[in-house]
Every structure is written in C-alpha cells, then in structure tokens.
Amino acid sequence: MSNTIPKIGFVSLGCPKASSDAERILTQLRAEGYSISNSYADADLVVVNTCGFIDSAVEESLDAIGEALAENGRVIVTGCLGAKGDVVRNVHPSVLAVTGPHALEEVMTAVHAHSPKPHDPYTDLVPPQGVRLTPQHYAYLKISEGCNHRCSFCIIPSLRGDLVSRPVGEVMQEAENLVKSGVRELLVISQDTSAYGVDIKYRTGFWNGRPLKTRMTELARALSELDVWVRLHYVYPYPHVDEVIPLMADGLILPYLDVPFQHASPRILKAMKRPASGENNLARIRAWREICPDITLRSTFIVGFPGETDEEFEQLLEFMTDAKIDRAGAFAYSAVDGAAANALANQVPEQLKQERLGRFMALQAQISAERLQQKIGLTMQVLVDSVEEDNVVARSAADAPDIDGVVYLENGAGLIPGDLVDVTILDADEHDLWAGPA
C-alpha cells in the first residue's frame, strides 16, 4: 500500500458563482486527504472548472482544458460548459469525466475513480471556513443556486437549473466561520439575490437558536451583526429591494447595490423577458438616493439587442445620464447557443453594435469621472487589498473587488491586507481614487 498522498491540480475560470463551486470542491479534496498541486507536472490529475455563458468564455474554457491535457493528460471537467451537451467531448474526447456546475458529488466520484483517496484522511488539516480562492480578508458567500427567470438572452437556468435557496442557518454558519478566519468583507452572491427564499416560501430557519426568515432583508440584517463589510450583488429591482436601503443608510451593510438593469426601453426589457420590466427604475433610484445619499449603484447593460432601434438606444443613454449609475459594464449582444433571443427578428449588425457599445462606454466614463470628482476632499474608510513596498491598493465601500475601481494610498507604511483605515481623497480619474492619511 502506497503512502504517497495523491495530488490534484485545479484550474478555475468564470464568475464568483463558479469560484464558490471551486472552493467547495477544493475543501472536499482536502477533507479527504488529497494534496492540491500548483503545477501540472506534479498533479496526478487536473480538475478544470469551466465557464460556458458567452462564446469567448467557451473558447477560454476549451483552451484551458486543452492546455491541461497537453501538460498533464488526465483531466476532469466541471462547471457551466459541462452542462452544454457534448461540447467538451467533441473538442477534447480524451477527458476523464465531464460534469455540470455545482456538482461536488459527481466531481468527487470521478476523482475517486481515477485517483483513489488516501486511506487516512487528514480532516484536521481543513480549516472551518474551507479552502478558498480569494484573499484571506474577503470572501464570496453564495446563498442560492439557479434562477427561476427565463430571460431571452440567457441560458443560465439550462446550465444551473431553477432557484434553490440554501438554508439560512447554513449560510449564517458559513459566514461566521469566514469572519472567525479573518474575513473583513462578505460579498453576497447568487443568480438572483433578491429572490432568496422564494422557492421555499421564505421558510423560517434557525441561527444560533433563534428563528430567522429565509429572505434577503432578514439575511442582510443578520449578516450585519458579524461586524464586517456586507456587499450585495446581482439584486433584481423588485419592490421589496427598497427594504434594504434603510439598512445601508444606518450603516448596517455597505451602501452598495449591484442591480443588473440591462436596458431602459420598456419594449426591449419585455423582449428580454426581464423580471420587473414594468418598474419605473429611474424613480426607484431617486427614492433610494433620498434614503441613502451615499449609495453606490453598479449595473450591467446590453446594447444591440435584437430589434433595438436608434431611438431605444438613445433612450438608454438618456437613462444613464439621468440615473448617473456609478459603475456600469456593458456588452454588445452576443448570440449565445440555446438563447431564445437568437430567433428574434431584426438582429442588429455587428458594426452598429460595436458603435453603440463605444458610445455607451464613453458616456459611462464621463459619468463615472464626474461622480468620482465629487469625492475629492472627503474622508472615508477603505479596506487594504495589497501592499507591495510603498504601493498600497485599497477599496472603498463603492468598490467591489475585480470589477470596480481601487483607491491608491500614499504613505501606507505599516499597513497589511485586511486593514480598515480612514483616508482623505486627494485625486480621481474616471475609474480610481488617490488618497492620503485622514
């Protein structure tokens, strides 16, 4: 019987939901005594966690699988691309196994088949917060899987299934473990955060012996008791979202809301089959800012959706000008395999899509620059992300990691990642801030 501990290589692509899946798989591997290898050469096999949402992500995932096969030869594929029929097997027939997303048991079964688990699991080596891909001071907290909506441009429900909310007690226990391990910021994620609990009729669960409703507002309030930054992502603009804005105004959770509006034209939103497409989003935004003037709004938009007219695109630009969205990403509509919108009439020519995308991003850069200029001279709290010699990079409450801007600190001697410090904003461009000691 060999005493050699089997080593598993791991490559993870895609969004924070995919990273959360990866962390669960890595935690289970360590719990069973496997070692995690940082190189293809040392690994007994390699797990590749894929993304399959848009064409460029599919290509990146297929390239990553190809590289792992070339360098190691023994590859298990999981994630969203695995849910798209035979795409992986058609391109890479030699992979050992293919599973879809959030498939912990299937992945472990495949690992066991091709690299049997050690006889003496080192369960004491696994920390309570699990194995994470994020830095020690922030973590993603996934509260549900899947989505009940059928937006015409999206295939996520066919990849990840309908909404399944995690038990609220389990979510809170994970959050507590993360905070005890040194996490200073929890980023709440799911496909549709504002729908949390709707699949189980907002059932009451328990945390530390007390009842707690499985619902976004109650969850946000409970998370605020852990005394760390709490940031809400992927929040659809349902009316009940208004309930969390006072929590932001009271300083219980970060005054930050990631709301994927996608467009401003009611006709386009209806063609997209967006939930809450009939809402007056401009009026909602004004009401939110009345309650919480410091709120930062992040959103995503699609330009060049099938049938989008010049007038409807201008309507979107007008919305952006009036709404003054702080952070916005935009995509030119991409025909994703399996999306219902591909069959819609009047597809917008690619050149026109790109022209509209350029105009949208130029306007957004101008809006962002104006919003950030207003912060010069203010004192605010920031979370330190990295320290390299004299270069200290931090984030404010307005900045989610990897997708928003950063705050560059002068005179950051003695700071370490995870520190929360007060600074005064000295300068700004269209993305980032520069600051000195308060």
Protein backbone atom coordinates (compact mmCIF):
# COMPACT_ATOMS: atom_id res chain seq x y z
CA MET A 1 0.00 0.00 0.00
CA SER A 2 1.49 3.32 -1.08
CA ASN A 3 1.80 6.12 1.45
CA THR A 4 2.05 8.73 -1.30
CA ILE A 5 -0.58 11.42 -0.94
CA PRO A 6 -2.32 11.93 -4.32
CA LYS A 7 -2.04 15.44 -5.74
CA ILE A 8 -4.84 17.16 -7.63
CA GLY A 9 -4.28 20.20 -9.86
CA PHE A 10 -7.08 22.76 -10.12
CA VAL A 11 -7.92 25.42 -12.72
CA SER A 12 -10.96 27.65 -12.10
CA LEU A 13 -12.50 30.02 -14.66
CA GLY A 14 -15.62 32.18 -14.71
CA CYS A 15 -17.70 34.19 -12.28
CA PRO A 16 -17.78 34.29 -8.46
CA LYS A 17 -20.50 31.59 -8.51
CA ALA A 18 -18.01 29.29 -10.26
CA SER A 19 -15.32 30.26 -7.73
CA SER A 20 -17.69 29.31 -4.92
CA ASP A 21 -18.23 25.88 -6.54
CA ALA A 22 -14.44 25.54 -6.85
CA GLU A 23 -13.93 26.34 -3.17
CA ARG A 24 -16.38 23.59 -2.17
CA ILE A 25 -14.57 21.03 -4.35
CA LEU A 26 -11.15 22.09 -3.01
CA THR A 27 -12.45 21.89 0.57
CA GLN A 28 -13.75 18.36 -0.01
CA LEU A 29 -10.49 17.26 -1.64
CA ARG A 30 -8.51 18.49 1.37
CA ALA A 31 -11.04 16.94 3.77
CA GLU A 32 -10.41 13.56 2.16
CA GLY A 33 -6.64 13.92 2.43
CA TYR A 34 -5.77 14.90 -1.14
CA SER A 35 -2.99 17.42 -1.66
CA ILE A 36 -3.55 20.39 -4.02
CA SER A 37 -0.81 20.82 -6.63
CA ASN A 38 0.20 24.18 -8.08
CA SER A 39 1.73 22.64 -11.21
CA TYR A 40 0.56 20.35 -13.98
CA ALA A 41 3.74 18.25 -13.69
CA ASP A 42 3.23 17.25 -10.03
CA ALA A 43 -0.50 16.55 -10.28
CA ASP A 44 -1.96 13.04 -10.56
CA LEU A 45 -4.86 14.63 -12.44
CA VAL A 46 -6.28 18.11 -13.08
CA VAL A 47 -9.81 19.40 -12.45
CA VAL A 48 -10.85 22.28 -14.76
CA ASN A 49 -13.82 24.35 -13.58
CA THR A 50 -15.28 25.98 -16.71
CA CYS A 51 -17.50 28.86 -17.79
CA GLY A 52 -19.90 28.49 -20.71
CA PHE A 53 -22.01 31.64 -20.74
CA ILE A 54 -20.79 33.51 -23.84
CA ASP A 55 -18.68 32.44 -26.83
CA SER A 56 -15.43 33.99 -25.56
CA ALA A 57 -15.85 32.16 -22.24
CA VAL A 58 -16.45 28.86 -24.06
CA GLU A 59 -13.25 29.38 -26.08
CA GLU A 60 -11.26 30.24 -22.95
CA SER A 61 -12.57 27.14 -21.18
CA LEU A 62 -11.83 24.84 -24.14
CA ASP A 63 -8.30 26.32 -24.37
CA ALA A 64 -7.75 25.74 -20.62
CA ILE A 65 -8.88 22.09 -20.97
CA GLY A 66 -6.55 21.68 -23.96
CA GLU A 67 -3.61 23.12 -22.03
CA ALA A 68 -4.28 20.82 -19.05
CA LEU A 69 -4.48 17.79 -21.36
CA ALA A 70 -1.22 18.78 -23.11
CA GLU A 71 0.65 19.39 -19.84
CA ASN A 72 -0.82 16.61 -17.69
CA GLY A 73 -3.04 14.33 -19.79
CA ARG A 74 -5.55 13.39 -17.05
CA VAL A 75 -8.35 15.94 -16.87
CA ILE A 76 -11.80 16.09 -15.21
CA VAL A 77 -14.08 18.89 -16.44
CA THR A 78 -16.78 20.56 -14.33
CA GLY A 79 -18.75 23.82 -14.43
CA CYS A 80 -21.16 25.51 -16.82
CA LEU A 81 -19.53 24.37 -20.06
CA GLY A 82 -20.03 20.78 -18.91
CA ALA A 83 -23.78 21.36 -18.93
CA LYS A 84 -23.77 22.31 -22.63
CA GLY A 85 -24.27 18.86 -24.14
CA ASP A 86 -21.25 17.28 -25.82
CA VAL A 87 -19.27 20.49 -26.47
CA VAL A 88 -16.33 19.36 -24.29
CA ARG A 89 -16.22 15.76 -25.53
CA ASN A 90 -16.46 16.84 -29.18
CA VAL A 91 -13.37 19.03 -28.86
CA HIS A 92 -11.47 17.03 -26.20
CA PRO A 93 -12.65 13.38 -26.33
CA SER A 94 -9.83 12.20 -24.05
CA VAL A 95 -11.04 13.95 -20.86
CA LEU A 96 -11.67 11.53 -17.99
CA ALA A 97 -15.10 12.90 -17.00
CA VAL A 98 -17.44 15.85 -17.62
CA THR A 99 -19.94 17.25 -15.10
CA GLY A 100 -22.09 20.40 -14.95
CA PRO A 101 -21.96 23.19 -12.34
CA HIS A 102 -22.46 22.75 -8.55
CA ALA A 103 -21.68 19.02 -8.99
CA LEU A 104 -19.50 18.33 -5.94
CA GLU A 105 -20.51 14.67 -5.58
CA GLU A 106 -20.06 13.89 -9.29
CA VAL A 107 -16.62 15.53 -9.34
CA MET A 108 -15.51 13.62 -6.24
CA THR A 109 -16.81 10.35 -7.72
CA ALA A 110 -14.69 10.99 -10.84
CA VAL A 111 -11.62 11.88 -8.74
CA HIS A 112 -12.05 8.69 -6.66
CA ALA A 113 -12.28 6.61 -9.84
CA HIS A 114 -9.04 7.96 -11.32
CA SER A 115 -7.04 8.80 -8.19
CA PRO A 116 -8.27 6.76 -5.20
CA LYS A 117 -8.50 8.74 -1.99
CA PRO A 118 -5.91 8.21 0.78
CA HIS A 119 -6.73 5.67 3.47
CA ASP A 120 -6.11 8.11 6.35
CA PRO A 121 -7.95 11.38 5.60
CA TYR A 122 -6.32 14.41 7.20
CA THR A 123 -9.58 16.06 8.12
CA ASP A 124 -7.90 18.16 10.78
CA LEU A 125 -5.96 19.99 8.06
CA VAL A 126 -9.15 21.59 6.70
CA PRO A 127 -10.00 24.90 8.37
CA PRO A 128 -13.68 25.51 9.30
CA GLN A 129 -14.01 28.15 6.56
CA GLY A 130 -12.89 25.65 3.90
CA VAL A 131 -10.29 26.16 1.17
CA ARG A 132 -10.76 29.49 -0.62
CA LEU A 133 -9.53 31.08 -3.83
CA THR A 134 -10.00 34.66 -2.61
CA PRO A 135 -7.50 36.54 -0.38
CA GLN A 136 -7.84 36.00 3.36
CA HIS A 137 -9.65 39.30 4.01
CA TYR A 138 -12.70 38.92 1.74
CA ALA A 139 -14.91 36.05 0.62
CA TYR A 140 -17.92 35.31 -1.56
CA LEU A 141 -20.98 33.96 0.26
CA LYS A 142 -23.25 32.07 -2.14
CA ILE A 143 -26.84 31.98 -0.86
CA SER A 144 -28.61 30.10 -3.65
CA GLU A 145 -28.16 28.24 -6.91
CA GLY A 146 -30.01 28.58 -10.22
CA CYS A 147 -32.66 31.01 -11.37
CA ASN A 148 -36.43 30.95 -11.97
CA HIS A 149 -36.37 33.61 -14.71
CA ARG A 150 -36.23 32.87 -18.41
CA CYS A 151 -34.55 35.98 -19.79
CA SER A 152 -34.40 35.53 -23.55
CA PHE A 153 -30.65 36.32 -23.84
CA CYS A 154 -29.59 33.96 -21.02
CA ILE A 155 -29.01 30.19 -20.74
CA ILE A 156 -28.08 30.09 -17.05
CA PRO A 157 -31.28 28.24 -15.98
CA SER A 158 -30.48 25.49 -18.51
CA LEU A 159 -26.94 25.30 -17.10
CA ARG A 160 -27.62 25.74 -13.37
CA GLY A 161 -31.32 24.86 -13.03
CA ASP A 162 -34.14 26.62 -11.17
CA LEU A 163 -33.67 28.59 -7.96
CA VAL A 164 -32.62 26.52 -4.93
CA SER A 165 -32.03 28.63 -1.80
CA ARG A 166 -29.50 27.44 0.78
CA PRO A 167 -30.83 27.03 4.35
CA VAL A 168 -30.38 30.38 6.10
CA GLY A 169 -28.78 28.75 9.16
CA GLU A 170 -26.18 27.07 6.94
CA VAL A 171 -25.43 30.39 5.19
CA MET A 172 -25.02 32.20 8.52
CA GLN A 173 -22.79 29.44 9.92
CA GLU A 174 -20.53 29.70 6.86
CA ALA A 175 -20.44 33.49 7.26
CA GLU A 176 -19.48 33.15 10.94
CA ASN A 177 -16.68 30.69 10.09
CA LEU A 178 -15.34 33.07 7.45
CA VAL A 179 -15.34 36.04 9.83
CA LYS A 180 -13.60 33.98 12.52
CA SER A 181 -10.89 33.13 9.96
CA GLY A 182 -10.12 36.82 9.36
CA VAL A 183 -12.53 37.81 6.57
CA ARG A 184 -13.40 41.52 6.74
CA GLU A 185 -15.80 41.66 3.78
CA LEU A 186 -18.58 39.26 2.75
CA LEU A 187 -19.79 39.51 -0.85
CA VAL A 188 -23.28 38.01 -1.07
CA ILE A 189 -23.80 36.32 -4.43
CA SER A 190 -26.34 34.17 -6.28
CA GLN A 191 -28.02 34.25 -9.68
CA ASP A 192 -30.83 36.40 -8.21
CA THR A 193 -30.11 37.58 -4.66
CA SER A 194 -33.44 39.38 -4.19
CA ALA A 195 -35.30 36.10 -4.88
CA TYR A 196 -33.57 34.35 -1.95
CA GLY A 197 -36.09 32.08 -0.21
CA VAL A 198 -38.93 32.46 -2.73
CA ASP A 199 -38.61 28.77 -3.70
CA ILE A 200 -39.28 27.70 -0.08
CA LYS A 201 -41.88 30.43 0.63
CA TYR A 202 -39.39 32.33 2.85
CA ARG A 203 -39.34 29.45 5.33
CA THR A 204 -38.11 30.27 8.85
CA GLY A 205 -34.76 28.70 9.69
CA PHE A 206 -32.56 28.97 12.78
CA TRP A 207 -29.24 30.62 13.55
CA ASN A 208 -27.67 30.26 16.99
CA GLY A 209 -31.01 29.02 18.32
CA ARG A 210 -33.08 31.96 17.14
CA PRO A 211 -35.60 31.98 14.25
CA LEU A 212 -34.53 33.70 11.02
CA LYS A 213 -36.58 34.05 7.83
CA THR A 214 -35.02 32.81 4.57
CA ARG A 215 -35.26 36.20 2.87
CA MET A 216 -32.79 38.83 1.63
CA THR A 217 -33.73 41.61 4.08
CA GLU A 218 -33.57 39.36 7.16
CA LEU A 219 -30.33 37.75 5.93
CA ALA A 220 -28.70 41.17 5.34
CA ARG A 221 -29.71 42.32 8.83
CA ALA A 222 -28.31 39.13 10.42
CA LEU A 223 -25.04 39.41 8.47
CA SER A 224 -24.67 42.99 9.71
CA GLU A 225 -24.32 41.60 13.26
CA LEU A 226 -20.99 39.99 12.29
CA ASP A 227 -19.40 43.47 12.20
CA VAL A 228 -17.78 43.18 8.76
CA TRP A 229 -18.48 44.78 5.39
CA VAL A 230 -21.50 43.14 3.71
CA ARG A 231 -21.93 43.78 -0.03
CA LEU A 232 -24.98 42.70 -2.09
CA HIS A 233 -24.52 41.51 -5.68
CA TYR A 234 -26.95 40.55 -8.51
CA VAL A 235 -30.05 42.15 -6.99
CA TYR A 236 -33.03 42.33 -9.36
CA PRO A 237 -35.04 45.55 -8.90
CA TYR A 238 -38.15 44.08 -7.26
CA PRO A 239 -40.16 46.44 -5.00
CA HIS A 240 -39.03 44.63 -1.82
CA VAL A 241 -35.41 45.63 -2.57
CA ASP A 242 -36.44 49.02 -1.14
CA GLU A 243 -36.35 47.36 2.32
CA VAL A 244 -32.54 47.00 2.35
CA ILE A 245 -31.83 50.67 1.56
CA PRO A 246 -32.55 51.83 5.18
CA LEU A 247 -30.07 49.16 6.38
CA MET A 248 -27.46 50.89 4.19
CA ALA A 249 -28.44 54.35 5.46
CA ASP A 250 -28.00 53.08 9.03
CA GLY A 251 -24.52 51.73 8.28
CA LEU A 252 -25.51 48.08 8.85
CA ILE A 253 -24.49 46.91 5.36
CA LEU A 254 -22.43 48.66 2.68
CA PRO A 255 -24.31 51.35 0.74
CA TYR A 256 -23.72 49.44 -2.50
CA LEU A 257 -26.21 47.73 -4.79
CA ASP A 258 -25.37 45.67 -7.86
CA VAL A 259 -28.58 45.76 -9.95
CA PRO A 260 -28.46 44.33 -13.50
CA PHE A 261 -30.91 46.74 -15.21
CA GLN A 262 -29.83 45.56 -18.73
CA HIS A 263 -31.75 48.30 -20.59
CA ALA A 264 -34.11 51.28 -20.19
CA SER A 265 -36.58 50.72 -23.03
CA PRO A 266 -39.76 49.00 -21.75
CA ARG A 267 -40.19 47.26 -25.13
CA ILE A 268 -36.63 45.91 -25.12
CA LEU A 269 -36.92 44.81 -21.48
CA LYS A 270 -40.13 42.97 -22.37
CA ALA A 271 -38.42 41.29 -25.33
CA MET A 272 -35.60 40.33 -22.95
CA LYS A 273 -38.28 38.84 -20.63
CA ARG A 274 -36.67 40.67 -17.73
CA PRO A 275 -38.31 40.41 -14.30
CA ALA A 276 -39.61 43.76 -13.02
CA SER A 277 -39.52 45.10 -16.60
CA GLY A 278 -42.51 47.34 -15.85
CA GLU A 279 -40.82 49.07 -12.91
CA ASN A 280 -40.01 52.79 -13.12
CA ASN A 281 -36.35 52.29 -12.34
CA LEU A 282 -35.44 55.99 -12.53
CA ALA A 283 -37.99 56.84 -9.83
CA ARG A 284 -36.72 53.93 -7.71
CA ILE A 285 -33.13 55.13 -7.98
CA ARG A 286 -34.12 58.66 -6.93
CA ALA A 287 -36.04 57.24 -3.96
CA TRP A 288 -33.03 55.09 -2.93
CA ARG A 289 -30.75 58.14 -3.03
CA GLU A 290 -33.23 60.14 -0.96
CA ILE A 291 -32.99 57.50 1.79
CA CYS A 292 -29.26 56.77 1.39
CA PRO A 293 -27.39 59.61 -0.40
CA ASP A 294 -24.09 57.66 -0.23
CA ILE A 295 -25.40 54.63 -2.14
CA THR A 296 -23.22 53.36 -4.99
CA LEU A 297 -25.09 51.74 -7.87
CA ARG A 298 -23.43 49.20 -10.14
CA SER A 299 -25.23 47.75 -13.14
CA THR A 300 -24.81 45.89 -16.41
CA PHE A 301 -26.42 46.66 -19.75
CA ILE A 302 -26.77 45.03 -23.17
CA VAL A 303 -26.58 47.16 -26.31
CA GLY A 304 -27.58 45.96 -29.76
CA PHE A 305 -30.24 43.54 -28.51
CA PRO A 306 -32.29 42.17 -31.48
CA GLY A 307 -34.71 44.84 -32.67
CA GLU A 308 -33.07 47.71 -30.71
CA THR A 309 -33.79 50.91 -32.67
CA ASP A 310 -31.76 54.11 -32.70
CA GLU A 311 -34.48 55.71 -30.57
CA GLU A 312 -34.37 52.91 -27.99
CA PHE A 313 -30.59 53.14 -27.77
CA GLU A 314 -30.90 56.92 -27.25
CA GLN A 315 -33.46 56.14 -24.52
CA LEU A 316 -30.80 54.02 -22.79
CA LEU A 317 -28.23 56.84 -22.99
CA GLU A 318 -30.82 59.27 -21.60
CA PHE A 319 -31.49 56.87 -18.70
CA MET A 320 -27.76 56.66 -17.95
CA THR A 321 -27.47 60.46 -17.96
CA ASP A 322 -30.46 60.86 -15.62
CA ALA A 323 -29.72 57.87 -13.34
CA LYS A 324 -26.00 58.63 -13.00
CA ILE A 325 -25.14 54.97 -12.42
CA ASP A 326 -21.79 54.99 -10.57
CA ARG A 327 -20.35 51.82 -12.09
CA ALA A 328 -21.62 50.21 -15.29
CA GLY A 329 -20.48 47.42 -17.54
CA ALA A 330 -21.94 46.86 -20.99
CA PHE A 331 -21.86 44.11 -23.57
CA ALA A 332 -22.75 44.08 -27.22
CA TYR A 333 -25.47 41.44 -27.60
CA SER A 334 -23.92 38.04 -28.28
CA ALA A 335 -25.91 35.16 -29.74
CA VAL A 336 -25.36 32.50 -27.07
CA ASP A 337 -26.15 28.95 -28.22
CA GLY A 338 -29.56 27.97 -26.87
CA ALA A 339 -30.77 31.50 -26.05
CA ALA A 340 -34.32 32.29 -27.17
CA ALA A 341 -33.34 35.80 -28.32
CA ASN A 342 -31.36 34.32 -31.22
CA ALA A 343 -34.68 33.69 -33.01
CA LEU A 344 -35.87 37.30 -32.69
CA ALA A 345 -36.26 39.40 -35.83
CA ASN A 346 -34.18 42.46 -36.78
CA GLN A 347 -30.80 41.38 -35.47
CA VAL A 348 -28.56 44.45 -35.14
CA PRO A 349 -25.49 44.46 -37.45
CA GLU A 350 -22.21 43.80 -35.62
CA GLN A 351 -20.66 47.12 -36.67
CA LEU A 352 -23.64 49.04 -35.29
CA LYS A 353 -23.50 47.04 -32.03
CA GLN A 354 -19.85 47.97 -31.56
CA GLU A 355 -20.54 51.63 -32.40
CA ARG A 356 -23.32 51.74 -29.78
CA LEU A 357 -21.10 49.97 -27.24
CA GLY A 358 -18.38 52.58 -27.78
CA ARG A 359 -20.85 55.45 -27.31
CA PHE A 360 -22.30 53.84 -24.17
CA MET A 361 -18.88 53.29 -22.56
CA ALA A 362 -17.71 56.82 -23.42
CA LEU A 363 -20.80 58.28 -21.71
CA GLN A 364 -20.34 56.00 -18.71
CA ALA A 365 -16.68 57.02 -18.37
CA GLN A 366 -17.78 60.66 -18.29
CA ILE A 367 -20.48 59.95 -15.66
CA SER A 368 -18.07 57.91 -13.55
CA ALA A 369 -15.40 60.63 -13.70
CA GLU A 370 -17.94 63.26 -12.58
CA ARG A 371 -19.16 61.06 -9.70
CA LEU A 372 -15.58 60.38 -8.51
CA GLN A 373 -14.57 64.07 -8.72
CA GLN A 374 -17.25 64.79 -6.10
CA LYS A 375 -15.34 62.57 -3.65
CA ILE A 376 -12.17 64.70 -3.64
CA GLY A 377 -11.68 66.16 -0.16
CA LEU A 378 -13.91 63.59 1.56
CA THR A 379 -12.71 61.32 4.37
CA MET A 380 -13.75 57.68 4.03
CA GLN A 381 -12.93 54.22 5.30
CA VAL A 382 -11.09 51.86 2.94
CA LEU A 383 -10.14 48.17 3.06
CA VAL A 384 -6.49 47.41 2.19
CA ASP A 385 -6.20 44.78 -0.56
CA SER A 386 -2.47 44.63 -1.29
CA VAL A 387 0.81 46.08 -0.02
CA GLU A 388 3.99 45.93 -2.12
CA GLU A 389 6.77 48.14 -0.76
CA ASP A 390 5.28 51.66 -0.94
CA ASN A 391 2.39 50.71 -3.23
CA VAL A 392 -0.77 50.25 -1.17
CA VAL A 393 -4.00 49.42 -3.02
CA ALA A 394 -7.32 49.56 -1.18
CA ARG A 395 -11.05 49.71 -1.92
CA SER A 396 -13.82 51.93 -0.61
CA ALA A 397 -17.40 50.86 0.12
CA ALA A 398 -18.11 51.84 -3.51
CA ASP A 399 -15.67 49.28 -4.95
CA ALA A 400 -16.25 45.55 -5.30
CA PRO A 401 -13.08 43.52 -5.94
CA ASP A 402 -12.02 42.90 -9.54
CA ILE A 403 -14.96 44.74 -11.15
CA ASP A 404 -14.87 48.30 -9.78
CA GLY A 405 -12.14 50.85 -9.14
CA VAL A 406 -9.50 50.99 -6.41
CA VAL A 407 -8.05 53.56 -4.01
CA TYR A 408 -4.28 54.12 -4.23
CA LEU A 409 -2.85 55.13 -0.85
CA GLU A 410 0.10 57.42 -0.20
CA ASN A 411 2.12 56.90 2.99
CA GLY A 412 0.71 53.44 3.73
CA ALA A 413 3.66 52.32 5.85
CA GLY A 414 2.79 49.58 8.32
CA LEU A 415 -0.48 48.60 6.64
CA ILE A 416 -1.31 44.98 5.78
CA PRO A 417 -4.08 43.44 3.61
CA GLY A 418 -7.36 43.39 5.56
CA ASP A 419 -6.70 46.62 7.47
CA LEU A 420 -9.59 49.09 7.58
CA VAL A 421 -8.26 52.67 7.62
CA ASP A 422 -9.67 56.19 7.29
CA VAL A 423 -8.21 58.24 4.41
CA THR A 424 -8.80 61.58 2.70
CA ILE A 425 -9.39 61.54 -1.06
CA LEU A 426 -6.84 63.70 -2.92
CA ASP A 427 -7.48 62.98 -6.62
CA ALA A 428 -9.62 60.95 -9.04
CA ASP A 429 -9.85 59.83 -12.65
CA GLU A 430 -12.73 58.01 -14.37
CA HIS A 431 -12.10 54.73 -12.51
CA ASP A 432 -9.91 55.15 -9.43
CA LEU A 433 -9.15 57.37 -6.44
CA TRP A 434 -5.89 58.53 -4.84
CA ALA A 435 -5.80 59.16 -1.09
CA GLY A 436 -3.60 60.12 1.84
CA PRO A 437 -3.89 59.67 5.61
CA ALA A 438 -7.03 61.19 7.12
